[in-house]
All heavy atoms as atom14 arrays in JSON, in Angstrom:
{
  "sequence": "WIFTAPQGGPVVYTHFMDGSWRPACAKAGIPKGTGP",
  "atom14_mask": [
    [1, 1, 1, 1, 1, 1, 1, 1, 1, 1, 1, 1, 1, 1],
    [1, 1, 1, 1, 1, 1, 1, 1, 0, 0, 0, 0, 0, 0],
    [1, 1, 1, 1, 1, 1, 1, 1, 1, 1, 1, 0, 0, 0],
    [1, 1, 1, 1, 1, 1, 1, 0, 0, 0, 0, 0, 0, 0],
    [1, 1, 1, 1, 1, 0, 0, 0, 0, 0, 0, 0, 0, 0],
    [1, 1, 1, 1, 1, 1, 1, 0, 0, 0, 0, 0, 0, 0],
    [1, 1, 1, 1, 1, 1, 1, 1, 1, 0, 0, 0, 0, 0],
    [1, 1, 1, 1, 0, 0, 0, 0, 0, 0, 0, 0, 0, 0],
    [1, 1, 1, 1, 0, 0, 0, 0, 0, 0, 0, 0, 0, 0],
    [1, 1, 1, 1, 1, 1, 1, 0, 0, 0, 0, 0, 0, 0],
    [1, 1, 1, 1, 1, 1, 1, 0, 0, 0, 0, 0, 0, 0],
    [1, 1, 1, 1, 1, 1, 1, 0, 0, 0, 0, 0, 0, 0],
    [1, 1, 1, 1, 1, 1, 1, 1, 1, 1, 1, 1, 0, 0],
    [1, 1, 1, 1, 1, 1, 1, 0, 0, 0, 0, 0, 0, 0],
    [1, 1, 1, 1, 1, 1, 1, 1, 1, 1, 0, 0, 0, 0],
    [1, 1, 1, 1, 1, 1, 1, 1, 1, 1, 1, 0, 0, 0],
    [1, 1, 1, 1, 1, 1, 1, 1, 0, 0, 0, 0, 0, 0],
    [1, 1, 1, 1, 1, 1, 1, 1, 0, 0, 0, 0, 0, 0],
    [1, 1, 1, 1, 0, 0, 0, 0, 0, 0, 0, 0, 0, 0],
    [1, 1, 1, 1, 1, 1, 0, 0, 0, 0, 0, 0, 0, 0],
    [1, 1, 1, 1, 1, 1, 1, 1, 1, 1, 1, 1, 1, 1],
    [1, 1, 1, 1, 1, 1, 1, 1, 1, 1, 1, 0, 0, 0],
    [1, 1, 1, 1, 1, 1, 1, 0, 0, 0, 0, 0, 0, 0],
    [1, 1, 1, 1, 1, 0, 0, 0, 0, 0, 0, 0, 0, 0],
    [1, 1, 1, 1, 1, 1, 0, 0, 0, 0, 0, 0, 0, 0],
    [1, 1, 1, 1, 1, 0, 0, 0, 0, 0, 0, 0, 0, 0],
    [1, 1, 1, 1, 1, 1, 1, 1, 1, 0, 0, 0, 0, 0],
    [1, 1, 1, 1, 1, 0, 0, 0, 0, 0, 0, 0, 0, 0],
    [1, 1, 1, 1, 0, 0, 0, 0, 0, 0, 0, 0, 0, 0],
    [1, 1, 1, 1, 1, 1, 1, 1, 0, 0, 0, 0, 0, 0],
    [1, 1, 1, 1, 1, 1, 1, 0, 0, 0, 0, 0, 0, 0],
    [1, 1, 1, 1, 1, 1, 1, 1, 1, 0, 0, 0, 0, 0],
    [1, 1, 1, 1, 0, 0, 0, 0, 0, 0, 0, 0, 0, 0],
    [1, 1, 1, 1, 1, 1, 1, 0, 0, 0, 0, 0, 0, 0],
    [1, 1, 1, 1, 0, 0, 0, 0, 0, 0, 0, 0, 0, 0],
    [1, 1, 1, 1, 1, 1, 1, 0, 0, 0, 0, 0, 0, 0]
  ],
  "atom14_positions": [
    [[40.16, -4.94, 139.33], [41.02, -3.78, 139.26], [41.76, -3.59, 140.57], [41.19, -3.71, 141.65], [40.2, -2.53, 138.96], [39.5, -2.6, 137.64], [38.21, -2.99, 137.41], [40.07, -2.33, 136.37], [37.94, -2.96, 136.07], [39.06, -2.55, 135.4], [41.32, -1.91, 135.93], [39.27, -2.37, 134.04], [41.53, -1.73, 134.58], [40.52, -1.96, 133.65]],
    [[43.04, -3.25, 140.49], [43.82, -2.97, 141.7], [43.52, -1.56, 142.19], [43.38, -1.31, 143.37], [45.33, -3.16, 141.43], [45.6, -4.63, 141.15], [46.16, -2.66, 142.61], [47.02, -4.93, 140.72], [0.0, 0.0, 0.0], [0.0, 0.0, 0.0], [0.0, 0.0, 0.0], [0.0, 0.0, 0.0], [0.0, 0.0, 0.0], [0.0, 0.0, 0.0]],
    [[43.43, -0.63, 141.26], [43.08, 0.75, 141.59], [41.71, 1.03, 140.99], [41.51, 0.81, 139.8], [44.13, 1.72, 141.03], [45.51, 1.44, 141.54], [46.44, 0.81, 140.74], [45.87, 1.79, 142.83], [47.71, 0.54, 141.21], [47.14, 1.53, 143.32], [48.07, 0.9, 142.5], [0.0, 0.0, 0.0], [0.0, 0.0, 0.0], [0.0, 0.0, 0.0]],
    [[40.79, 1.48, 141.82], [39.43, 1.68, 141.35], [38.97, 3.12, 141.57], [39.5, 3.83, 142.44], [38.45, 0.74, 142.08], [38.53, 1.01, 143.48], [38.78, -0.72, 141.82], [0.0, 0.0, 0.0], [0.0, 0.0, 0.0], [0.0, 0.0, 0.0], [0.0, 0.0, 0.0], [0.0, 0.0, 0.0], [0.0, 0.0, 0.0], [0.0, 0.0, 0.0]],
    [[37.98, 3.49, 140.81], [37.33, 4.78, 140.99], [36.5, 4.74, 142.28], [36.14, 3.66, 142.75], [36.44, 5.07, 139.79], [0.0, 0.0, 0.0], [0.0, 0.0, 0.0], [0.0, 0.0, 0.0], [0.0, 0.0, 0.0], [0.0, 0.0, 0.0], [0.0, 0.0, 0.0], [0.0, 0.0, 0.0], [0.0, 0.0, 0.0], [0.0, 0.0, 0.0]],
    [[36.18, 5.88, 142.86], [35.38, 5.89, 144.11], [34.07, 5.13, 143.99], [33.64, 4.47, 144.94], [35.13, 7.38, 144.36], [36.24, 8.08, 143.67], [36.57, 7.23, 142.46], [0.0, 0.0, 0.0], [0.0, 0.0, 0.0], [0.0, 0.0, 0.0], [0.0, 0.0, 0.0], [0.0, 0.0, 0.0], [0.0, 0.0, 0.0], [0.0, 0.0, 0.0]],
    [[33.46, 5.13, 142.81], [32.2, 4.43, 142.62], [32.42, 2.99, 142.16], [31.46, 2.28, 141.87], [31.29, 5.19, 141.63], [31.79, 5.24, 140.21], [32.88, 6.29, 139.94], [33.44, 6.9, 140.86], [33.2, 6.5, 138.69], [0.0, 0.0, 0.0], [0.0, 0.0, 0.0], [0.0, 0.0, 0.0], [0.0, 0.0, 0.0], [0.0, 0.0, 0.0]],
    [[33.68, 2.55, 142.1], [34.01, 1.2, 141.64], [34.4, 1.21, 140.17], [34.23, 2.2, 139.47], [0.0, 0.0, 0.0], [0.0, 0.0, 0.0], [0.0, 0.0, 0.0], [0.0, 0.0, 0.0], [0.0, 0.0, 0.0], [0.0, 0.0, 0.0], [0.0, 0.0, 0.0], [0.0, 0.0, 0.0], [0.0, 0.0, 0.0], [0.0, 0.0, 0.0]],
    [[34.94, 0.11, 139.72], [35.38, 0.02, 138.33], [36.7, 0.72, 138.1], [37.32, 1.24, 139.03], [0.0, 0.0, 0.0], [0.0, 0.0, 0.0], [0.0, 0.0, 0.0], [0.0, 0.0, 0.0], [0.0, 0.0, 0.0], [0.0, 0.0, 0.0], [0.0, 0.0, 0.0], [0.0, 0.0, 0.0], [0.0, 0.0, 0.0], [0.0, 0.0, 0.0]],
    [[37.15, 0.76, 136.86], [38.46, 1.34, 136.56], [38.47, 2.86, 136.75], [37.44, 3.53, 136.71], [38.67, 0.99, 135.09], [37.31, 0.79, 134.54], [36.49, 0.25, 135.66], [0.0, 0.0, 0.0], [0.0, 0.0, 0.0], [0.0, 0.0, 0.0], [0.0, 0.0, 0.0], [0.0, 0.0, 0.0], [0.0, 0.0, 0.0], [0.0, 0.0, 0.0]],
    [[39.64, 3.37, 136.99], [39.84, 4.8, 137.14], [39.74, 5.44, 135.76], [40.38, 4.99, 134.81], [41.24, 5.09, 137.76], [41.51, 6.58, 137.82], [41.33, 4.47, 139.15], [0.0, 0.0, 0.0], [0.0, 0.0, 0.0], [0.0, 0.0, 0.0], [0.0, 0.0, 0.0], [0.0, 0.0, 0.0], [0.0, 0.0, 0.0], [0.0, 0.0, 0.0]],
    [[38.95, 6.5, 135.65], [38.83, 7.23, 134.4], [39.94, 8.28, 134.37], [40.11, 9.05, 135.34], [37.44, 7.91, 134.29], [37.34, 8.76, 133.03], [36.35, 6.85, 134.32], [0.0, 0.0, 0.0], [0.0, 0.0, 0.0], [0.0, 0.0, 0.0], [0.0, 0.0, 0.0], [0.0, 0.0, 0.0], [0.0, 0.0, 0.0], [0.0, 0.0, 0.0]],
    [[40.69, 8.3, 133.29], [41.88, 9.16, 133.19], [41.57, 10.61, 133.51], [42.28, 11.23, 134.31], [42.47, 9.03, 131.78], [43.74, 9.83, 131.58], [44.96, 9.38, 132.08], [43.72, 11.05, 130.91], [46.12, 10.11, 131.9], [44.87, 11.79, 130.73], [46.07, 11.32, 131.23], [47.21, 12.05, 131.06], [0.0, 0.0, 0.0], [0.0, 0.0, 0.0]],
    [[40.53, 11.18, 132.91], [40.24, 12.6, 133.14], [39.87, 12.86, 134.6], [40.26, 13.88, 135.16], [39.11, 13.1, 132.21], [37.99, 12.23, 132.35], [39.57, 13.14, 130.77], [0.0, 0.0, 0.0], [0.0, 0.0, 0.0], [0.0, 0.0, 0.0], [0.0, 0.0, 0.0], [0.0, 0.0, 0.0], [0.0, 0.0, 0.0], [0.0, 0.0, 0.0]],
    [[39.14, 11.94, 135.22], [38.79, 12.11, 136.64], [40.06, 12.02, 137.5], [40.22, 12.77, 138.46], [37.79, 11.06, 137.09], [36.46, 11.18, 136.41], [35.53, 10.18, 136.45], [35.91, 12.17, 135.66], [34.46, 10.55, 135.76], [34.68, 11.76, 135.26], [0.0, 0.0, 0.0], [0.0, 0.0, 0.0], [0.0, 0.0, 0.0], [0.0, 0.0, 0.0]],
    [[40.93, 11.1, 137.16], [42.19, 10.95, 137.89], [43.03, 12.21, 137.77], [43.56, 12.72, 138.76], [42.96, 9.73, 137.37], [44.39, 9.69, 137.84], [44.69, 9.36, 139.15], [45.43, 9.99, 136.97], [46.01, 9.33, 139.6], [46.74, 9.96, 137.4], [47.03, 9.62, 138.72], [0.0, 0.0, 0.0], [0.0, 0.0, 0.0], [0.0, 0.0, 0.0]],
    [[43.13, 12.72, 136.55], [43.96, 13.91, 136.33], [43.42, 15.11, 137.11], [44.18, 15.81, 137.79], [44.04, 14.24, 134.84], [44.83, 13.23, 134.04], [46.56, 13.08, 134.55], [47.21, 14.64, 134.0], [0.0, 0.0, 0.0], [0.0, 0.0, 0.0], [0.0, 0.0, 0.0], [0.0, 0.0, 0.0], [0.0, 0.0, 0.0], [0.0, 0.0, 0.0]],
    [[42.11, 15.34, 137.02], [41.51, 16.5, 137.67], [41.39, 16.33, 139.19], [41.6, 17.28, 139.93], [40.12, 16.78, 137.09], [40.17, 17.21, 135.63], [41.23, 17.69, 135.18], [39.15, 17.05, 134.93], [0.0, 0.0, 0.0], [0.0, 0.0, 0.0], [0.0, 0.0, 0.0], [0.0, 0.0, 0.0], [0.0, 0.0, 0.0], [0.0, 0.0, 0.0]],
    [[41.08, 15.12, 139.63], [40.81, 14.91, 141.04], [42.0, 14.53, 141.88], [42.0, 14.74, 143.1], [0.0, 0.0, 0.0], [0.0, 0.0, 0.0], [0.0, 0.0, 0.0], [0.0, 0.0, 0.0], [0.0, 0.0, 0.0], [0.0, 0.0, 0.0], [0.0, 0.0, 0.0], [0.0, 0.0, 0.0], [0.0, 0.0, 0.0], [0.0, 0.0, 0.0]],
    [[43.04, 13.96, 141.25], [44.19, 13.48, 142.03], [45.52, 14.01, 141.54], [46.29, 14.59, 142.31], [44.23, 11.94, 142.0], [43.07, 11.4, 142.58], [0.0, 0.0, 0.0], [0.0, 0.0, 0.0], [0.0, 0.0, 0.0], [0.0, 0.0, 0.0], [0.0, 0.0, 0.0], [0.0, 0.0, 0.0], [0.0, 0.0, 0.0], [0.0, 0.0, 0.0]],
    [[45.82, 13.79, 140.27], [47.16, 14.1, 139.76], [47.49, 15.59, 139.87], [48.5, 15.95, 140.47], [47.3, 13.62, 138.31], [48.65, 13.9, 137.76], [49.04, 14.98, 137.03], [49.83, 13.11, 137.94], [50.37, 14.92, 136.73], [50.88, 13.77, 137.27], [50.09, 11.91, 138.58], [52.17, 13.27, 137.24], [51.39, 11.4, 138.55], [52.4, 12.08, 137.88]],
    [[46.67, 16.43, 139.26], [46.98, 17.87, 139.25], [47.02, 18.46, 140.65], [47.95, 19.22, 140.97], [46.02, 18.61, 138.33], [46.27, 18.29, 136.87], [45.39, 19.11, 135.92], [45.62, 18.68, 134.56], [44.76, 17.94, 133.84], [43.59, 17.59, 134.35], [45.05, 17.57, 132.62], [0.0, 0.0, 0.0], [0.0, 0.0, 0.0], [0.0, 0.0, 0.0]],
    [[46.07, 18.13, 141.53], [46.17, 18.66, 142.9], [47.44, 18.18, 143.63], [48.08, 18.94, 144.35], [44.91, 18.13, 143.6], [43.94, 17.9, 142.49], [44.78, 17.46, 141.31], [0.0, 0.0, 0.0], [0.0, 0.0, 0.0], [0.0, 0.0, 0.0], [0.0, 0.0, 0.0], [0.0, 0.0, 0.0], [0.0, 0.0, 0.0], [0.0, 0.0, 0.0]],
    [[47.82, 16.91, 143.42], [49.03, 16.39, 144.07], [50.27, 17.09, 143.53], [51.18, 17.42, 144.3], [49.12, 14.88, 143.86], [0.0, 0.0, 0.0], [0.0, 0.0, 0.0], [0.0, 0.0, 0.0], [0.0, 0.0, 0.0], [0.0, 0.0, 0.0], [0.0, 0.0, 0.0], [0.0, 0.0, 0.0], [0.0, 0.0, 0.0], [0.0, 0.0, 0.0]],
    [[50.32, 17.32, 142.22], [51.46, 18.02, 141.62], [51.56, 19.44, 142.16], [52.65, 19.92, 142.49], [51.35, 18.04, 140.09], [51.72, 16.45, 139.33], [0.0, 0.0, 0.0], [0.0, 0.0, 0.0], [0.0, 0.0, 0.0], [0.0, 0.0, 0.0], [0.0, 0.0, 0.0], [0.0, 0.0, 0.0], [0.0, 0.0, 0.0], [0.0, 0.0, 0.0]],
    [[50.42, 20.13, 142.25], [50.41, 21.5, 142.77], [50.92, 21.52, 144.21], [51.76, 22.36, 144.57], [49.0, 22.09, 142.69], [0.0, 0.0, 0.0], [0.0, 0.0, 0.0], [0.0, 0.0, 0.0], [0.0, 0.0, 0.0], [0.0, 0.0, 0.0], [0.0, 0.0, 0.0], [0.0, 0.0, 0.0], [0.0, 0.0, 0.0], [0.0, 0.0, 0.0]],
    [[50.46, 20.58, 145.01], [50.88, 20.51, 146.42], [52.38, 20.23, 146.54], [53.05, 20.74, 147.43], [50.07, 19.43, 147.14], [50.3, 19.39, 148.63], [49.37, 18.4, 149.3], [49.59, 18.38, 150.79], [48.68, 17.44, 151.44], [0.0, 0.0, 0.0], [0.0, 0.0, 0.0], [0.0, 0.0, 0.0], [0.0, 0.0, 0.0], [0.0, 0.0, 0.0]],
    [[52.91, 19.41, 145.62], [54.32, 19.04, 145.67], [55.23, 20.06, 144.97], [56.44, 19.91, 144.97], [54.51, 17.67, 145.03], [0.0, 0.0, 0.0], [0.0, 0.0, 0.0], [0.0, 0.0, 0.0], [0.0, 0.0, 0.0], [0.0, 0.0, 0.0], [0.0, 0.0, 0.0], [0.0, 0.0, 0.0], [0.0, 0.0, 0.0], [0.0, 0.0, 0.0]],
    [[54.62, 21.09, 144.34], [55.42, 22.09, 143.65], [55.93, 21.63, 142.3], [56.9, 22.18, 141.78], [0.0, 0.0, 0.0], [0.0, 0.0, 0.0], [0.0, 0.0, 0.0], [0.0, 0.0, 0.0], [0.0, 0.0, 0.0], [0.0, 0.0, 0.0], [0.0, 0.0, 0.0], [0.0, 0.0, 0.0], [0.0, 0.0, 0.0], [0.0, 0.0, 0.0]],
    [[55.32, 20.62, 141.73], [55.71, 20.1, 140.41], [55.1, 21.03, 139.36], [53.94, 21.42, 139.48], [55.23, 18.65, 140.24], [55.96, 17.76, 141.25], [55.45, 18.16, 138.81], [55.43, 16.34, 141.32], [0.0, 0.0, 0.0], [0.0, 0.0, 0.0], [0.0, 0.0, 0.0], [0.0, 0.0, 0.0], [0.0, 0.0, 0.0], [0.0, 0.0, 0.0]],
    [[55.88, 21.4, 138.36], [55.39, 22.36, 137.36], [54.07, 21.94, 136.72], [53.86, 20.77, 136.41], [56.5, 22.39, 136.31], [57.72, 21.93, 137.02], [57.24, 20.97, 138.07], [0.0, 0.0, 0.0], [0.0, 0.0, 0.0], [0.0, 0.0, 0.0], [0.0, 0.0, 0.0], [0.0, 0.0, 0.0], [0.0, 0.0, 0.0], [0.0, 0.0, 0.0]],
    [[53.2, 22.94, 136.54], [51.91, 22.72, 135.89], [52.16, 22.16, 134.49], [53.09, 22.56, 133.8], [51.15, 24.05, 135.8], [49.73, 23.91, 135.38], [49.0, 25.24, 135.47], [47.54, 25.03, 135.16], [46.77, 26.24, 135.38], [0.0, 0.0, 0.0], [0.0, 0.0, 0.0], [0.0, 0.0, 0.0], [0.0, 0.0, 0.0], [0.0, 0.0, 0.0]],
    [[51.34, 21.2, 134.08], [51.49, 20.59, 132.77], [52.29, 19.3, 132.79], [52.39, 18.61, 131.78], [0.0, 0.0, 0.0], [0.0, 0.0, 0.0], [0.0, 0.0, 0.0], [0.0, 0.0, 0.0], [0.0, 0.0, 0.0], [0.0, 0.0, 0.0], [0.0, 0.0, 0.0], [0.0, 0.0, 0.0], [0.0, 0.0, 0.0], [0.0, 0.0, 0.0]],
    [[52.89, 18.96, 133.95], [53.63, 17.71, 134.06], [52.62, 16.57, 134.17], [51.77, 16.58, 135.06], [54.54, 17.71, 135.31], [55.44, 18.81, 135.22], [55.32, 16.41, 135.41], [0.0, 0.0, 0.0], [0.0, 0.0, 0.0], [0.0, 0.0, 0.0], [0.0, 0.0, 0.0], [0.0, 0.0, 0.0], [0.0, 0.0, 0.0], [0.0, 0.0, 0.0]],
    [[52.72, 15.61, 133.26], [51.77, 14.51, 133.25], [52.37, 13.23, 133.78], [53.58, 13.14, 134.04], [0.0, 0.0, 0.0], [0.0, 0.0, 0.0], [0.0, 0.0, 0.0], [0.0, 0.0, 0.0], [0.0, 0.0, 0.0], [0.0, 0.0, 0.0], [0.0, 0.0, 0.0], [0.0, 0.0, 0.0], [0.0, 0.0, 0.0], [0.0, 0.0, 0.0]],
    [[51.56, 12.19, 133.93], [52.04, 10.9, 134.42], [53.13, 10.28, 133.54], [53.95, 9.52, 134.03], [50.78, 10.02, 134.41], [49.65, 10.96, 134.49], [50.1, 12.2, 133.76], [0.0, 0.0, 0.0], [0.0, 0.0, 0.0], [0.0, 0.0, 0.0], [0.0, 0.0, 0.0], [0.0, 0.0, 0.0], [0.0, 0.0, 0.0], [0.0, 0.0, 0.0]]
  ]
}
């Protein structure tokens, strides 16, 4: 895998959304509900 979860293996979508995507969108001022 090129992008891995912190514990290794593939990134789990729900973990990515909750742990990375939504916080990054909030920080960047991107409207809530905007997905990948």
